[in-house]
Amino acid sequence: MKDPMKMLRQVQQMQDRMAKAQKELEEETVEATSGGGAVRVVATGAQKVVSVQVDPGATEDVQMLQDMVVDAVNDAMEKSKQLAASKMQAVASGLGLPPGLV
């Protein structure tokens, strides 16, 4: 049987690394655009939208503008999730867990 204190230290180290990764994700950003750059969305790695910029010329067709905003937000969220998954995978890689468990 493994040393329980060693396992406890490893769990604490993992928790510390996870907390650090989550804090980094709150500070890192991803960017997505749609409509050839007419709409630009910036989100954190913690899936929080921090800004939306719309080119004033894109406001002529409201339906198209709405679609571009939705597309850009969805793309930003996907990029944010990929960033988070990458960070968490890096944290888990030091634990010796099988791939796909994180």
N, C-alpha and C. Protein backbone atom coordinates (compact mmCIF):
# COMPACT_ATOMS: atom_id res chain seq x y z
N MET A 1 0.85 -1.19 0.00
CA MET A 1 0.00 0.00 0.00
C MET A 1 0.88 1.24 0.00
N LYS A 2 0.47 2.21 -0.75
CA LYS A 2 1.24 3.45 -0.82
C LYS A 2 1.16 4.20 0.50
N ASP A 3 2.14 5.04 0.70
CA ASP A 3 2.20 5.89 1.88
C ASP A 3 1.05 6.89 1.83
N PRO A 4 0.13 6.87 2.82
CA PRO A 4 -1.02 7.79 2.80
C PRO A 4 -0.61 9.26 2.83
N MET A 5 0.45 9.59 3.51
CA MET A 5 0.90 10.99 3.55
C MET A 5 1.41 11.44 2.19
N LYS A 6 2.07 10.54 1.49
CA LYS A 6 2.56 10.87 0.15
C LYS A 6 1.37 11.12 -0.78
N MET A 7 0.36 10.29 -0.68
CA MET A 7 -0.83 10.46 -1.51
C MET A 7 -1.53 11.77 -1.17
N LEU A 8 -1.59 12.10 0.12
CA LEU A 8 -2.22 13.35 0.55
C LEU A 8 -1.46 14.56 -0.02
N ARG A 9 -0.13 14.50 0.00
CA ARG A 9 0.68 15.58 -0.56
C ARG A 9 0.44 15.71 -2.06
N GLN A 10 0.34 14.58 -2.75
CA GLN A 10 0.10 14.61 -4.19
C GLN A 10 -1.26 15.22 -4.50
N VAL A 11 -2.26 14.89 -3.71
CA VAL A 11 -3.60 15.46 -3.91
C VAL A 11 -3.55 16.97 -3.68
N GLN A 12 -2.85 17.39 -2.64
CA GLN A 12 -2.73 18.83 -2.34
C GLN A 12 -2.01 19.55 -3.48
N GLN A 13 -0.95 18.94 -4.01
CA GLN A 13 -0.23 19.54 -5.13
C GLN A 13 -1.14 19.66 -6.35
N MET A 14 -1.93 18.64 -6.60
CA MET A 14 -2.84 18.67 -7.73
C MET A 14 -3.88 19.78 -7.53
N GLN A 15 -4.42 19.92 -6.34
CA GLN A 15 -5.38 20.98 -6.07
C GLN A 15 -4.75 22.35 -6.27
N ASP A 16 -3.51 22.51 -5.84
CA ASP A 16 -2.82 23.78 -6.02
C ASP A 16 -2.62 24.08 -7.50
N ARG A 17 -2.23 23.06 -8.27
CA ARG A 17 -2.02 23.26 -9.71
C ARG A 17 -3.34 23.57 -10.42
N MET A 18 -4.41 22.91 -9.99
CA MET A 18 -5.72 23.17 -10.59
C MET A 18 -6.17 24.60 -10.29
N ALA A 19 -5.97 25.04 -9.06
CA ALA A 19 -6.36 26.40 -8.68
C ALA A 19 -5.55 27.42 -9.48
N LYS A 20 -4.27 27.15 -9.66
CA LYS A 20 -3.42 28.06 -10.43
C LYS A 20 -3.88 28.10 -11.89
N ALA A 21 -4.18 26.94 -12.45
CA ALA A 21 -4.64 26.88 -13.84
C ALA A 21 -5.96 27.61 -14.02
N GLN A 22 -6.87 27.47 -13.06
CA GLN A 22 -8.15 28.17 -13.14
C GLN A 22 -7.96 29.68 -13.07
N LYS A 23 -7.05 30.13 -12.22
CA LYS A 23 -6.76 31.56 -12.11
C LYS A 23 -6.17 32.08 -13.43
N GLU A 24 -5.27 31.30 -14.02
CA GLU A 24 -4.68 31.69 -15.30
C GLU A 24 -5.76 31.77 -16.38
N LEU A 25 -6.71 30.84 -16.36
CA LEU A 25 -7.78 30.84 -17.35
C LEU A 25 -8.66 32.08 -17.22
N GLU A 26 -8.82 32.57 -16.02
CA GLU A 26 -9.62 33.79 -15.82
C GLU A 26 -8.92 35.01 -16.41
N GLU A 27 -7.59 34.93 -16.53
CA GLU A 27 -6.82 36.07 -17.03
C GLU A 27 -6.49 35.97 -18.51
N GLU A 28 -6.44 34.77 -19.05
CA GLU A 28 -6.13 34.59 -20.47
C GLU A 28 -7.37 34.84 -21.31
N THR A 29 -7.17 35.34 -22.51
CA THR A 29 -8.31 35.60 -23.39
C THR A 29 -8.12 34.94 -24.74
N VAL A 30 -9.26 34.73 -25.38
CA VAL A 30 -9.31 34.25 -26.77
C VAL A 30 -10.16 35.24 -27.54
N GLU A 31 -9.98 35.27 -28.84
CA GLU A 31 -10.71 36.20 -29.68
C GLU A 31 -11.33 35.45 -30.85
N ALA A 32 -12.53 35.87 -31.21
CA ALA A 32 -13.20 35.30 -32.38
C ALA A 32 -13.86 36.43 -33.16
N THR A 33 -13.91 36.26 -34.47
CA THR A 33 -14.56 37.26 -35.31
C THR A 33 -15.54 36.57 -36.25
N SER A 34 -16.44 37.36 -36.78
CA SER A 34 -17.33 36.86 -37.84
C SER A 34 -17.64 38.02 -38.77
N GLY A 35 -18.20 37.68 -39.90
CA GLY A 35 -18.54 38.71 -40.88
C GLY A 35 -17.31 39.43 -41.40
N GLY A 36 -16.23 38.68 -41.58
CA GLY A 36 -15.00 39.30 -42.09
C GLY A 36 -14.41 40.33 -41.13
N GLY A 37 -14.66 40.14 -39.84
CA GLY A 37 -14.13 41.05 -38.84
C GLY A 37 -15.11 42.13 -38.41
N ALA A 38 -16.33 42.08 -38.93
CA ALA A 38 -17.33 43.08 -38.56
C ALA A 38 -17.74 42.96 -37.10
N VAL A 39 -17.67 41.73 -36.57
CA VAL A 39 -17.97 41.48 -35.16
C VAL A 39 -16.78 40.80 -34.54
N ARG A 40 -16.36 41.31 -33.40
CA ARG A 40 -15.20 40.75 -32.68
C ARG A 40 -15.61 40.51 -31.23
N VAL A 41 -15.38 39.28 -30.75
CA VAL A 41 -15.72 38.91 -29.38
C VAL A 41 -14.45 38.44 -28.69
N VAL A 42 -14.26 38.92 -27.47
CA VAL A 42 -13.14 38.49 -26.63
C VAL A 42 -13.73 37.82 -25.39
N ALA A 43 -13.20 36.65 -25.07
CA ALA A 43 -13.67 35.90 -23.90
C ALA A 43 -12.47 35.39 -23.12
N THR A 44 -12.69 35.13 -21.83
CA THR A 44 -11.62 34.56 -21.01
C THR A 44 -11.59 33.05 -21.18
N GLY A 45 -10.54 32.45 -20.67
CA GLY A 45 -10.44 30.99 -20.67
C GLY A 45 -11.44 30.36 -19.72
N ALA A 46 -12.10 31.18 -18.91
CA ALA A 46 -13.13 30.70 -17.98
C ALA A 46 -14.53 30.88 -18.58
N GLN A 47 -14.62 31.00 -19.89
CA GLN A 47 -15.86 31.12 -20.64
C GLN A 47 -16.69 32.34 -20.24
N LYS A 48 -16.04 33.46 -20.04
CA LYS A 48 -16.74 34.71 -19.75
C LYS A 48 -16.44 35.69 -20.88
N VAL A 49 -17.49 36.19 -21.53
CA VAL A 49 -17.33 37.19 -22.59
C VAL A 49 -16.96 38.51 -21.93
N VAL A 50 -15.85 39.11 -22.38
CA VAL A 50 -15.41 40.37 -21.78
C VAL A 50 -15.63 41.56 -22.69
N SER A 51 -15.76 41.32 -24.00
CA SER A 51 -16.06 42.45 -24.88
C SER A 51 -16.64 41.96 -26.20
N VAL A 52 -17.46 42.81 -26.77
CA VAL A 52 -18.04 42.60 -28.09
C VAL A 52 -17.89 43.92 -28.84
N GLN A 53 -17.24 43.86 -30.00
CA GLN A 53 -17.10 45.06 -30.83
C GLN A 53 -17.80 44.81 -32.15
N VAL A 54 -18.55 45.82 -32.57
CA VAL A 54 -19.31 45.72 -33.82
C VAL A 54 -18.92 46.89 -34.70
N ASP A 55 -18.55 46.60 -35.93
CA ASP A 55 -18.26 47.64 -36.92
C ASP A 55 -19.57 48.37 -37.20
N PRO A 56 -19.58 49.70 -37.08
CA PRO A 56 -20.81 50.46 -37.31
C PRO A 56 -21.47 50.17 -38.66
N GLY A 57 -20.71 49.82 -39.65
CA GLY A 57 -21.26 49.51 -40.96
C GLY A 57 -22.04 48.21 -40.99
N ALA A 58 -21.89 47.41 -39.96
CA ALA A 58 -22.56 46.11 -39.93
C ALA A 58 -23.96 46.20 -39.38
N THR A 59 -24.42 47.38 -39.01
CA THR A 59 -25.72 47.51 -38.35
C THR A 59 -26.89 47.71 -39.32
N GLU A 60 -26.60 47.72 -40.59
CA GLU A 60 -27.67 47.96 -41.57
C GLU A 60 -28.67 46.80 -41.63
N ASP A 61 -28.19 45.58 -41.55
CA ASP A 61 -29.06 44.40 -41.60
C ASP A 61 -29.06 43.78 -40.21
N VAL A 62 -30.10 44.04 -39.44
CA VAL A 62 -30.16 43.60 -38.04
C VAL A 62 -30.08 42.08 -37.92
N GLN A 63 -30.81 41.36 -38.76
CA GLN A 63 -30.79 39.90 -38.68
C GLN A 63 -29.40 39.35 -38.94
N MET A 64 -28.72 39.89 -39.94
CA MET A 64 -27.37 39.44 -40.24
C MET A 64 -26.43 39.77 -39.08
N LEU A 65 -26.57 40.96 -38.50
CA LEU A 65 -25.74 41.36 -37.37
C LEU A 65 -25.96 40.41 -36.19
N GLN A 66 -27.20 40.07 -35.92
CA GLN A 66 -27.48 39.13 -34.83
C GLN A 66 -26.82 37.78 -35.08
N ASP A 67 -26.90 37.31 -36.31
CA ASP A 67 -26.27 36.03 -36.66
C ASP A 67 -24.75 36.10 -36.50
N MET A 68 -24.16 37.23 -36.91
CA MET A 68 -22.71 37.38 -36.77
C MET A 68 -22.29 37.40 -35.31
N VAL A 69 -23.07 38.07 -34.46
CA VAL A 69 -22.75 38.11 -33.03
C VAL A 69 -22.84 36.70 -32.43
N VAL A 70 -23.89 35.99 -32.76
CA VAL A 70 -24.05 34.62 -32.25
C VAL A 70 -22.87 33.75 -32.72
N ASP A 71 -22.52 33.84 -33.99
CA ASP A 71 -21.40 33.06 -34.52
C ASP A 71 -20.10 33.38 -33.79
N ALA A 72 -19.83 34.66 -33.60
CA ALA A 72 -18.59 35.07 -32.96
C ALA A 72 -18.55 34.62 -31.49
N VAL A 73 -19.67 34.76 -30.80
CA VAL A 73 -19.73 34.33 -29.40
C VAL A 73 -19.54 32.82 -29.30
N ASN A 74 -20.21 32.07 -30.15
CA ASN A 74 -20.06 30.61 -30.12
C ASN A 74 -18.62 30.20 -30.42
N ASP A 75 -17.99 30.85 -31.38
CA ASP A 75 -16.60 30.55 -31.72
C ASP A 75 -15.68 30.89 -30.55
N ALA A 76 -15.92 32.02 -29.90
CA ALA A 76 -15.10 32.41 -28.75
C ALA A 76 -15.27 31.41 -27.62
N MET A 77 -16.48 30.94 -27.38
CA MET A 77 -16.72 29.95 -26.32
C MET A 77 -16.02 28.64 -26.63
N GLU A 78 -16.04 28.23 -27.89
CA GLU A 78 -15.36 26.99 -28.28
C GLU A 78 -13.85 27.12 -28.07
N LYS A 79 -13.29 28.26 -28.48
CA LYS A 79 -11.86 28.48 -28.28
C LYS A 79 -11.52 28.52 -26.80
N SER A 80 -12.40 29.12 -26.01
CA SER A 80 -12.18 29.19 -24.57
C SER A 80 -12.20 27.79 -23.95
N LYS A 81 -13.13 26.96 -24.37
CA LYS A 81 -13.20 25.59 -23.85
C LYS A 81 -11.96 24.80 -24.24
N GLN A 82 -11.48 25.00 -25.46
CA GLN A 82 -10.27 24.31 -25.90
C GLN A 82 -9.06 24.74 -25.07
N LEU A 83 -8.98 26.04 -24.79
CA LEU A 83 -7.89 26.55 -23.95
C LEU A 83 -7.96 25.94 -22.56
N ALA A 84 -9.16 25.88 -21.98
CA ALA A 84 -9.34 25.31 -20.65
C ALA A 84 -8.98 23.82 -20.64
N ALA A 85 -9.41 23.10 -21.65
CA ALA A 85 -9.11 21.68 -21.73
C ALA A 85 -7.61 21.45 -21.84
N SER A 86 -6.94 22.28 -22.61
CA SER A 86 -5.49 22.17 -22.75
C SER A 86 -4.78 22.40 -21.42
N LYS A 87 -5.22 23.44 -20.69
CA LYS A 87 -4.61 23.74 -19.39
C LYS A 87 -4.84 22.61 -18.41
N MET A 88 -6.06 22.09 -18.36
CA MET A 88 -6.37 21.02 -17.41
C MET A 88 -5.63 19.74 -17.78
N GLN A 89 -5.47 19.49 -19.07
CA GLN A 89 -4.72 18.32 -19.50
C GLN A 89 -3.27 18.43 -19.05
N ALA A 90 -2.71 19.63 -19.12
CA ALA A 90 -1.34 19.85 -18.68
C ALA A 90 -1.21 19.59 -17.18
N VAL A 91 -2.21 19.99 -16.41
CA VAL A 91 -2.19 19.74 -14.96
C VAL A 91 -2.27 18.24 -14.70
N ALA A 92 -3.15 17.56 -15.41
CA ALA A 92 -3.36 16.13 -15.18
C ALA A 92 -2.21 15.27 -15.69
N SER A 93 -1.45 15.78 -16.64
CA SER A 93 -0.37 14.97 -17.20
C SER A 93 0.66 14.59 -16.16
N GLY A 94 0.83 15.42 -15.16
CA GLY A 94 1.78 15.12 -14.09
C GLY A 94 1.28 14.10 -13.09
N LEU A 95 0.03 13.69 -13.22
CA LEU A 95 -0.55 12.76 -12.25
C LEU A 95 -0.48 11.32 -12.69
N GLY A 96 -0.16 11.10 -13.95
CA GLY A 96 -0.11 9.74 -14.45
C GLY A 96 -1.48 9.13 -14.70
N LEU A 97 -2.49 9.97 -14.90
CA LEU A 97 -3.83 9.48 -15.19
C LEU A 97 -3.92 9.05 -16.64
N PRO A 98 -4.79 8.07 -16.92
CA PRO A 98 -4.96 7.65 -18.31
C PRO A 98 -5.53 8.79 -19.16
N PRO A 99 -5.17 8.86 -20.44
CA PRO A 99 -5.71 9.90 -21.32
C PRO A 99 -7.23 9.84 -21.36
N GLY A 100 -7.85 10.99 -21.45
CA GLY A 100 -9.30 11.07 -21.53
C GLY A 100 -9.99 11.12 -20.19
N LEU A 101 -9.26 10.99 -19.11
CA LEU A 101 -9.86 11.03 -17.78
C LEU A 101 -10.09 12.44 -17.31
N VAL A 102 -9.43 13.41 -17.93
CA VAL A 102 -9.60 14.81 -17.54
C VAL A 102 -10.48 15.51 -18.53
